[in-house]
Structures are given as structure tokens and as C-alpha cells.
Amino acid sequence: MLKKATKLKSIIKTKTKSNINMRPTSEAMIELLTLVFLSSLAEEAKAKAFEEKSATIRAQHLRAVSKVRSKGLC
């Protein structure tokens, strides 16, 4: 998980083109929020898989959950 957080940090820095300085606390907050989001997405996908009586969380479960989440944001 640490590698993914480091990758996320590098993506953020390249997308901002280094014009924006981020404090370490901001970087930590972004990493924590990302982990919380991924954790909740995994929990919802787990529930969706359980509803469909699947022992494995599949990509279709994640897609179904993410579609519901994206509709809620608009």
C-alpha cells in the first residue's frame, strides 16, 4: 500500500507541474483520504459480491458500486 501512496504522490506532483508546493501534512491528508475511499469502495464491493452469492470480489462488483457512487456525487 505504501508503494501506491508514493505513486499517488508522484502523480499529484506531475499533474500540478510543481507550481504548487504541498506541505507534508497535505500530502498525508491526501494519502489518508485515498485509503479511506478505497477501503469503503472495497467494503461496498464485498457487500455487492455477497448479494450475488459470489465468494470473490470481481471487477463487475467494483464497477457496479463505483457507478452508484458517481451518481451520488452529481
PDB file of N, CA and C in Angstrom:
ATOM      1  N   MET A   1       0.820  -1.189   0.000  1.00  0.00           N
ATOM      2  CA  MET A   1       0.000   0.000   0.000  1.00  0.00           C
ATOM      3  C   MET A   1       0.863   1.250   0.000  1.00  0.00           C
ATOM      4  N   LEU A   2       2.043   1.167   0.607  1.00  0.00           N
ATOM      5  CA  LEU A   2       2.941   2.307   0.657  1.00  0.00           C
ATOM      6  C   LEU A   2       3.423   2.678  -0.737  1.00  0.00           C
ATOM      7  N   LYS A   3       3.650   1.684  -1.597  1.00  0.00           N
ATOM      8  CA  LYS A   3       4.065   1.965  -2.968  1.00  0.00           C
ATOM      9  C   LYS A   3       2.983   2.729  -3.711  1.00  0.00           C
ATOM     10  N   LYS A   4       1.716   2.374  -3.472  1.00  0.00           N
ATOM     11  CA  LYS A   4       0.610   3.063  -4.132  1.00  0.00           C
ATOM     12  C   LYS A   4       0.503   4.500  -3.655  1.00  0.00           C
ATOM     13  N   ALA A   5       0.737   4.730  -2.376  1.00  0.00           N
ATOM     14  CA  ALA A   5       0.693   6.090  -1.850  1.00  0.00           C
ATOM     15  C   ALA A   5       1.826   6.919  -2.433  1.00  0.00           C
ATOM     16  N   THR A   6       2.993   6.339  -2.597  1.00  0.00           N
ATOM     17  CA  THR A   6       4.126   7.038  -3.202  1.00  0.00           C
ATOM     18  C   THR A   6       3.831   7.339  -4.663  1.00  0.00           C
ATOM     19  N   LYS A   7       3.218   6.400  -5.341  1.00  0.00           N
ATOM     20  CA  LYS A   7       2.834   6.599  -6.743  1.00  0.00           C
ATOM     21  C   LYS A   7       1.816   7.733  -6.849  1.00  0.00           C
ATOM     22  N   LEU A   8       0.853   7.762  -5.947  1.00  0.00           N
ATOM     23  CA  LEU A   8      -0.146   8.818  -5.939  1.00  0.00           C
ATOM     24  C   LEU A   8       0.513  10.177  -5.734  1.00  0.00           C
ATOM     25  N   LYS A   9       1.469  10.244  -4.833  1.00  0.00           N
ATOM     26  CA  LYS A   9       2.171  11.491  -4.565  1.00  0.00           C
ATOM     27  C   LYS A   9       2.893  11.976  -5.819  1.00  0.00           C
ATOM     28  N   SER A  10       3.530  11.059  -6.548  1.00  0.00           N
ATOM     29  CA  SER A  10       4.248  11.451  -7.754  1.00  0.00           C
ATOM     30  C   SER A  10       3.281  11.908  -8.849  1.00  0.00           C
ATOM     31  N   ILE A  11       2.110  11.284  -8.937  1.00  0.00           N
ATOM     32  CA  ILE A  11       1.107  11.704  -9.914  1.00  0.00           C
ATOM     33  C   ILE A  11       0.615  13.108  -9.591  1.00  0.00           C
ATOM     34  N   ILE A  12       0.354  13.372  -8.332  1.00  0.00           N
ATOM     35  CA  ILE A  12      -0.112  14.697  -7.928  1.00  0.00           C
ATOM     36  C   ILE A  12       0.925  15.762  -8.266  1.00  0.00           C
ATOM     37  N   LYS A  13       2.177  15.461  -7.992  1.00  0.00           N
ATOM     38  CA  LYS A  13       3.231  16.438  -8.267  1.00  0.00           C
ATOM     39  C   LYS A  13       3.385  16.690  -9.756  1.00  0.00           C
ATOM     40  N   THR A  14       3.238  15.657 -10.607  1.00  0.00           N
ATOM     41  CA  THR A  14       3.371  15.868 -12.043  1.00  0.00           C
ATOM     42  C   THR A  14       2.152  16.580 -12.612  1.00  0.00           C
ATOM     43  N   LYS A  15       0.966  16.306 -12.060  1.00  0.00           N
ATOM     44  CA  LYS A  15      -0.236  16.972 -12.552  1.00  0.00           C
ATOM     45  C   LYS A  15      -0.245  18.457 -12.191  1.00  0.00           C
ATOM     46  N   THR A  16       0.337  18.799 -11.070  1.00  0.00           N
ATOM     47  CA  THR A  16       0.385  20.200 -10.670  1.00  0.00           C
ATOM     48  C   THR A  16       1.581  20.908 -11.294  1.00  0.00           C
ATOM     49  N   LYS A  17       2.412  20.166 -11.999  1.00  0.00           N
ATOM     50  CA  LYS A  17       3.593  20.692 -12.686  1.00  0.00           C
ATOM     51  C   LYS A  17       4.525  21.428 -11.733  1.00  0.00           C
ATOM     52  N   SER A  18       4.521  21.024 -10.511  1.00  0.00           N
ATOM     53  CA  SER A  18       5.398  21.551  -9.468  1.00  0.00           C
ATOM     54  C   SER A  18       5.240  23.043  -9.231  1.00  0.00           C
ATOM     55  N   ASN A  19       4.167  23.646  -9.721  1.00  0.00           N
ATOM     56  CA  ASN A  19       3.910  25.059  -9.448  1.00  0.00           C
ATOM     57  C   ASN A  19       3.310  25.258  -8.066  1.00  0.00           C
ATOM     58  N   ILE A  20       2.769  24.196  -7.522  1.00  0.00           N
ATOM     59  CA  ILE A  20       2.128  24.273  -6.220  1.00  0.00           C
ATOM     60  C   ILE A  20       2.971  23.496  -5.220  1.00  0.00           C
ATOM     61  N   ASN A  21       3.350  24.161  -4.165  1.00  0.00           N
ATOM     62  CA  ASN A  21       4.074  23.472  -3.099  1.00  0.00           C
ATOM     63  C   ASN A  21       3.058  22.896  -2.123  1.00  0.00           C
ATOM     64  N   MET A  22       3.239  21.642  -1.817  1.00  0.00           N
ATOM     65  CA  MET A  22       2.345  20.994  -0.864  1.00  0.00           C
ATOM     66  C   MET A  22       3.113  20.689   0.406  1.00  0.00           C
ATOM     67  N   ARG A  23       2.503  20.995   1.501  1.00  0.00           N
ATOM     68  CA  ARG A  23       3.114  20.679   2.780  1.00  0.00           C
ATOM     69  C   ARG A  23       2.969  19.187   3.043  1.00  0.00           C
ATOM     70  N   PRO A  24       3.860  18.652   3.859  1.00  0.00           N
ATOM     71  CA  PRO A  24       3.769  17.218   4.171  1.00  0.00           C
ATOM     72  C   PRO A  24       2.431  16.822   4.792  1.00  0.00           C
ATOM     73  N   THR A  25       1.822  17.728   5.552  1.00  0.00           N
ATOM     74  CA  THR A  25       0.519  17.395   6.141  1.00  0.00           C
ATOM     75  C   THR A  25      -0.550  17.270   5.066  1.00  0.00           C
ATOM     76  N   SER A  26      -0.447  18.095   4.015  1.00  0.00           N
ATOM     77  CA  SER A  26      -1.404  17.994   2.906  1.00  0.00           C
ATOM     78  C   SER A  26      -1.235  16.680   2.168  1.00  0.00           C
ATOM     79  N   GLU A  27       0.004  16.310   1.936  1.00  0.00           N
ATOM     80  CA  GLU A  27       0.263  15.039   1.270  1.00  0.00           C
ATOM     81  C   GLU A  27      -0.267  13.876   2.100  1.00  0.00           C
ATOM     82  N   ALA A  28      -0.062  13.943   3.393  1.00  0.00           N
ATOM     83  CA  ALA A  28      -0.547  12.885   4.279  1.00  0.00           C
ATOM     84  C   ALA A  28      -2.074  12.823   4.263  1.00  0.00           C
ATOM     85  N   MET A  29      -2.718  13.984   4.245  1.00  0.00           N
ATOM     86  CA  MET A  29      -4.187  14.022   4.212  1.00  0.00           C
ATOM     87  C   MET A  29      -4.719  13.414   2.914  1.00  0.00           C
ATOM     88  N   ILE A  30      -4.076  13.715   1.813  1.00  0.00           N
ATOM     89  CA  ILE A  30      -4.490  13.142   0.532  1.00  0.00           C
ATOM     90  C   ILE A  30      -4.327  11.630   0.556  1.00  0.00           C
ATOM     91  N   GLU A  31      -3.222  11.158   1.086  1.00  0.00           N
ATOM     92  CA  GLU A  31      -2.999   9.718   1.177  1.00  0.00           C
ATOM     93  C   GLU A  31      -4.041   9.047   2.066  1.00  0.00           C
ATOM     94  N   LEU A  32      -4.339   9.659   3.198  1.00  0.00           N
ATOM     95  CA  LEU A  32      -5.335   9.086   4.104  1.00  0.00           C
ATOM     96  C   LEU A  32      -6.725   9.063   3.480  1.00  0.00           C
ATOM     97  N   LEU A  33      -7.116  10.148   2.834  1.00  0.00           N
ATOM     98  CA  LEU A  33      -8.426  10.190   2.190  1.00  0.00           C
ATOM     99  C   LEU A  33      -8.529   9.165   1.063  1.00  0.00           C
ATOM    100  N   THR A  34      -7.446   8.965   0.343  1.00  0.00           N
ATOM    101  CA  THR A  34      -7.433   7.954  -0.709  1.00  0.00           C
ATOM    102  C   THR A  34      -7.611   6.559  -0.121  1.00  0.00           C
ATOM    103  N   LEU A  35      -6.915   6.292   0.971  1.00  0.00           N
ATOM    104  CA  LEU A  35      -7.050   4.986   1.621  1.00  0.00           C
ATOM    105  C   LEU A  35      -8.452   4.770   2.173  1.00  0.00           C
ATOM    106  N   VAL A  36      -9.047   5.809   2.736  1.00  0.00           N
ATOM    107  CA  VAL A  36     -10.424   5.695   3.249  1.00  0.00           C
ATOM    108  C   VAL A  36     -11.388   5.419   2.104  1.00  0.00           C
ATOM    109  N   PHE A  37     -11.196   6.133   0.980  1.00  0.00           N
ATOM    110  CA  PHE A  37     -12.059   5.925  -0.181  1.00  0.00           C
ATOM    111  C   PHE A  37     -11.935   4.502  -0.705  1.00  0.00           C
ATOM    112  N   LEU A  38     -10.705   4.026  -0.862  1.00  0.00           N
ATOM    113  CA  LEU A  38     -10.503   2.673  -1.374  1.00  0.00           C
ATOM    114  C   LEU A  38     -11.054   1.618  -0.417  1.00  0.00           C
ATOM    115  N   SER A  39     -10.907   1.868   0.869  1.00  0.00           N
ATOM    116  CA  SER A  39     -11.428   0.937   1.860  1.00  0.00           C
ATOM    117  C   SER A  39     -12.951   0.854   1.794  1.00  0.00           C
ATOM    118  N   SER A  40     -13.606   2.005   1.703  1.00  0.00           N
ATOM    119  CA  SER A  40     -15.072   1.997   1.638  1.00  0.00           C
ATOM    120  C   SER A  40     -15.556   1.391   0.324  1.00  0.00           C
ATOM    121  N   LEU A  41     -14.832   1.644  -0.753  1.00  0.00           N
ATOM    122  CA  LEU A  41     -15.190   1.049  -2.042  1.00  0.00           C
ATOM    123  C   LEU A  41     -15.067  -0.475  -1.974  1.00  0.00           C
ATOM    124  N   ALA A  42     -14.020  -0.955  -1.330  1.00  0.00           N
ATOM    125  CA  ALA A  42     -13.830  -2.405  -1.187  1.00  0.00           C
ATOM    126  C   ALA A  42     -14.924  -3.020  -0.324  1.00  0.00           C
ATOM    127  N   GLU A  43     -15.320  -2.330   0.745  1.00  0.00           N
ATOM    128  CA  GLU A  43     -16.393  -2.843   1.608  1.00  0.00           C
ATOM    129  C   GLU A  43     -17.712  -2.930   0.851  1.00  0.00           C
ATOM    130  N   GLU A  44     -18.015  -1.910   0.063  1.00  0.00           N
ATOM    131  CA  GLU A  44     -19.258  -1.932  -0.706  1.00  0.00           C
ATOM    132  C   GLU A  44     -19.216  -3.006  -1.789  1.00  0.00           C
ATOM    133  N   ALA A  45     -18.059  -3.196  -2.419  1.00  0.00           N
ATOM    134  CA  ALA A  45     -17.916  -4.253  -3.422  1.00  0.00           C
ATOM    135  C   ALA A  45     -18.056  -5.626  -2.774  1.00  0.00           C
ATOM    136  N   LYS A  46     -17.555  -5.759  -1.555  1.00  0.00           N
ATOM    137  CA  LYS A  46     -17.694  -7.016  -0.818  1.00  0.00           C
ATOM    138  C   LYS A  46     -19.173  -7.316  -0.554  1.00  0.00           C
ATOM    139  N   ALA A  47     -19.920  -6.289  -0.163  1.00  0.00           N
ATOM    140  CA  ALA A  47     -21.351  -6.466   0.079  1.00  0.00           C
ATOM    141  C   ALA A  47     -22.079  -6.823  -1.209  1.00  0.00           C
ATOM    142  N   LYS A  48     -21.689  -6.191  -2.307  1.00  0.00           N
ATOM    143  CA  LYS A  48     -22.308  -6.484  -3.603  1.00  0.00           C
ATOM    144  C   LYS A  48     -22.014  -7.925  -4.013  1.00  0.00           C
ATOM    145  N   ALA A  49     -20.790  -8.376  -3.805  1.00  0.00           N
ATOM    146  CA  ALA A  49     -20.440  -9.757  -4.126  1.00  0.00           C
ATOM    147  C   ALA A  49     -21.237 -10.733  -3.262  1.00  0.00           C
ATOM    148  N   PHE A  50     -21.420 -10.399  -1.988  1.00  0.00           N
ATOM    149  CA  PHE A  50     -22.194 -11.243  -1.089  1.00  0.00           C
ATOM    150  C   PHE A  50     -23.650 -11.329  -1.548  1.00  0.00           C
ATOM    151  N   GLU A  51     -24.206 -10.189  -2.008  1.00  0.00           N
ATOM    152  CA  GLU A  51     -25.587 -10.184  -2.522  1.00  0.00           C
ATOM    153  C   GLU A  51     -25.737 -11.134  -3.705  1.00  0.00           C
ATOM    154  N   GLU A  52     -24.716 -11.184  -4.538  1.00  0.00           N
ATOM    155  CA  GLU A  52     -24.754 -12.042  -5.722  1.00  0.00           C
ATOM    156  C   GLU A  52     -24.238 -13.454  -5.437  1.00  0.00           C
ATOM    157  N   LYS A  53     -24.022 -13.741  -4.153  1.00  0.00           N
ATOM    158  CA  LYS A  53     -23.572 -15.058  -3.709  1.00  0.00           C
ATOM    159  C   LYS A  53     -22.256 -15.471  -4.369  1.00  0.00           C
ATOM    160  N   SER A  54     -21.360 -14.496  -4.459  1.00  0.00           N
ATOM    161  CA  SER A  54     -20.044 -14.747  -5.020  1.00  0.00           C
ATOM    162  C   SER A  54     -19.025 -14.755  -3.885  1.00  0.00           C
ATOM    163  N   ALA A  55     -18.114 -15.706  -3.922  1.00  0.00           N
ATOM    164  CA  ALA A  55     -17.083 -15.794  -2.892  1.00  0.00           C
ATOM    165  C   ALA A  55     -15.908 -14.863  -3.199  1.00  0.00           C
ATOM    166  N   THR A  56     -15.888 -14.324  -4.422  1.00  0.00           N
ATOM    167  CA  THR A  56     -14.790 -13.473  -4.863  1.00  0.00           C
ATOM    168  C   THR A  56     -15.320 -12.114  -5.308  1.00  0.00           C
ATOM    169  N   ILE A  57     -14.625 -11.073  -4.911  1.00  0.00           N
ATOM    170  CA  ILE A  57     -14.969  -9.737  -5.399  1.00  0.00           C
ATOM    171  C   ILE A  57     -14.370  -9.609  -6.794  1.00  0.00           C
ATOM    172  N   ARG A  58     -15.215  -9.340  -7.753  1.00  0.00           N
ATOM    173  CA  ARG A  58     -14.783  -9.240  -9.149  1.00  0.00           C
ATOM    174  C   ARG A  58     -14.869  -7.790  -9.618  1.00  0.00           C
ATOM    175  N   ALA A  59     -14.312  -7.551 -10.787  1.00  0.00           N
ATOM    176  CA  ALA A  59     -14.311  -6.208 -11.362  1.00  0.00           C
ATOM    177  C   ALA A  59     -15.742  -5.695 -11.561  1.00  0.00           C
ATOM    178  N   GLN A  60     -16.651  -6.573 -11.892  1.00  0.00           N
ATOM    179  CA  GLN A  60     -18.038  -6.159 -12.114  1.00  0.00           C
ATOM    180  C   GLN A  60     -18.660  -5.607 -10.836  1.00  0.00           C
ATOM    181  N   HIS A  61     -18.279  -6.146  -9.690  1.00  0.00           N
ATOM    182  CA  HIS A  61     -18.793  -5.653  -8.416  1.00  0.00           C
ATOM    183  C   HIS A  61     -18.268  -4.243  -8.143  1.00  0.00           C
ATOM    184  N   LEU A  62     -16.984  -4.043  -8.415  1.00  0.00           N
ATOM    185  CA  LEU A  62     -16.401  -2.717  -8.239  1.00  0.00           C
ATOM    186  C   LEU A  62     -17.029  -1.703  -9.188  1.00  0.00           C
ATOM    187  N   ARG A  63     -17.250  -2.105 -10.435  1.00  0.00           N
ATOM    188  CA  ARG A  63     -17.875  -1.199 -11.400  1.00  0.00           C
ATOM    189  C   ARG A  63     -19.282  -0.816 -10.971  1.00  0.00           C
ATOM    190  N   ALA A  64     -20.049  -1.795 -10.514  1.00  0.00           N
ATOM    191  CA  ALA A  64     -21.423  -1.517 -10.085  1.00  0.00           C
ATOM    192  C   ALA A  64     -21.449  -0.556  -8.910  1.00  0.00           C
ATOM    193  N   VAL A  65     -20.565  -0.749  -7.964  1.00  0.00           N
ATOM    194  CA  VAL A  65     -20.507   0.112  -6.794  1.00  0.00           C
ATOM    195  C   VAL A  65     -20.023   1.509  -7.169  1.00  0.00           C
ATOM    196  N   SER A  66     -19.027   1.585  -8.040  1.00  0.00           N
ATOM    197  CA  SER A  66     -18.493   2.899  -8.410  1.00  0.00           C
ATOM    198  C   SER A  66     -19.503   3.692  -9.227  1.00  0.00           C
ATOM    199  N   LYS A  67     -20.340   3.018 -10.020  1.00  0.00           N
ATOM    200  CA  LYS A  67     -21.384   3.726 -10.762  1.00  0.00           C
ATOM    201  C   LYS A  67     -22.386   4.347  -9.810  1.00  0.00           C
ATOM    202  N   VAL A  68     -22.768   3.613  -8.772  1.00  0.00           N
ATOM    203  CA  VAL A  68     -23.704   4.134  -7.782  1.00  0.00           C
ATOM    204  C   VAL A  68     -23.096   5.326  -7.055  1.00  0.00           C
ATOM    205  N   ARG A  69     -21.818   5.237  -6.717  1.00  0.00           N
ATOM    206  CA  ARG A  69     -21.126   6.330  -6.021  1.00  0.00           C
ATOM    207  C   ARG A  69     -21.038   7.571  -6.901  1.00  0.00           C
ATOM    208  N   SER A  70     -20.738   7.383  -8.198  1.00  0.00           N
ATOM    209  CA  SER A  70     -20.580   8.548  -9.083  1.00  0.00           C
ATOM    210  C   SER A  70     -21.923   9.239  -9.311  1.00  0.00           C
ATOM    211  N   LYS A  71     -23.015   8.485  -9.306  1.00  0.00           N
ATOM    212  CA  LYS A  71     -24.340   9.104  -9.443  1.00  0.00           C
ATOM    213  C   LYS A  71     -24.673   9.938  -8.223  1.00  0.00           C
ATOM    214  N   GLY A  72     -24.217   9.506  -7.075  1.00  0.00           N
ATOM    215  CA  GLY A  72     -24.477  10.227  -5.828  1.00  0.00           C
ATOM    216  C   GLY A  72     -23.713  11.537  -5.739  1.00  0.00           C
ATOM    217  N   LEU A  73     -22.618  11.669  -6.481  1.00  0.00           N
ATOM    218  CA  LEU A  73     -21.812  12.886  -6.435  1.00  0.00           C
ATOM    219  C   LEU A  73     -22.420  14.014  -7.248  1.00  0.00           C
ATOM    220  N   CYS A  74     -23.172  13.670  -8.253  1.00  0.00           N
ATOM    221  CA  CYS A  74     -23.737  14.705  -9.140  1.00  0.00           C
ATOM    222  C   CYS A  74     -24.992  15.329  -8.578  1.00  0.00           C
TER     223      CYS A  74
END
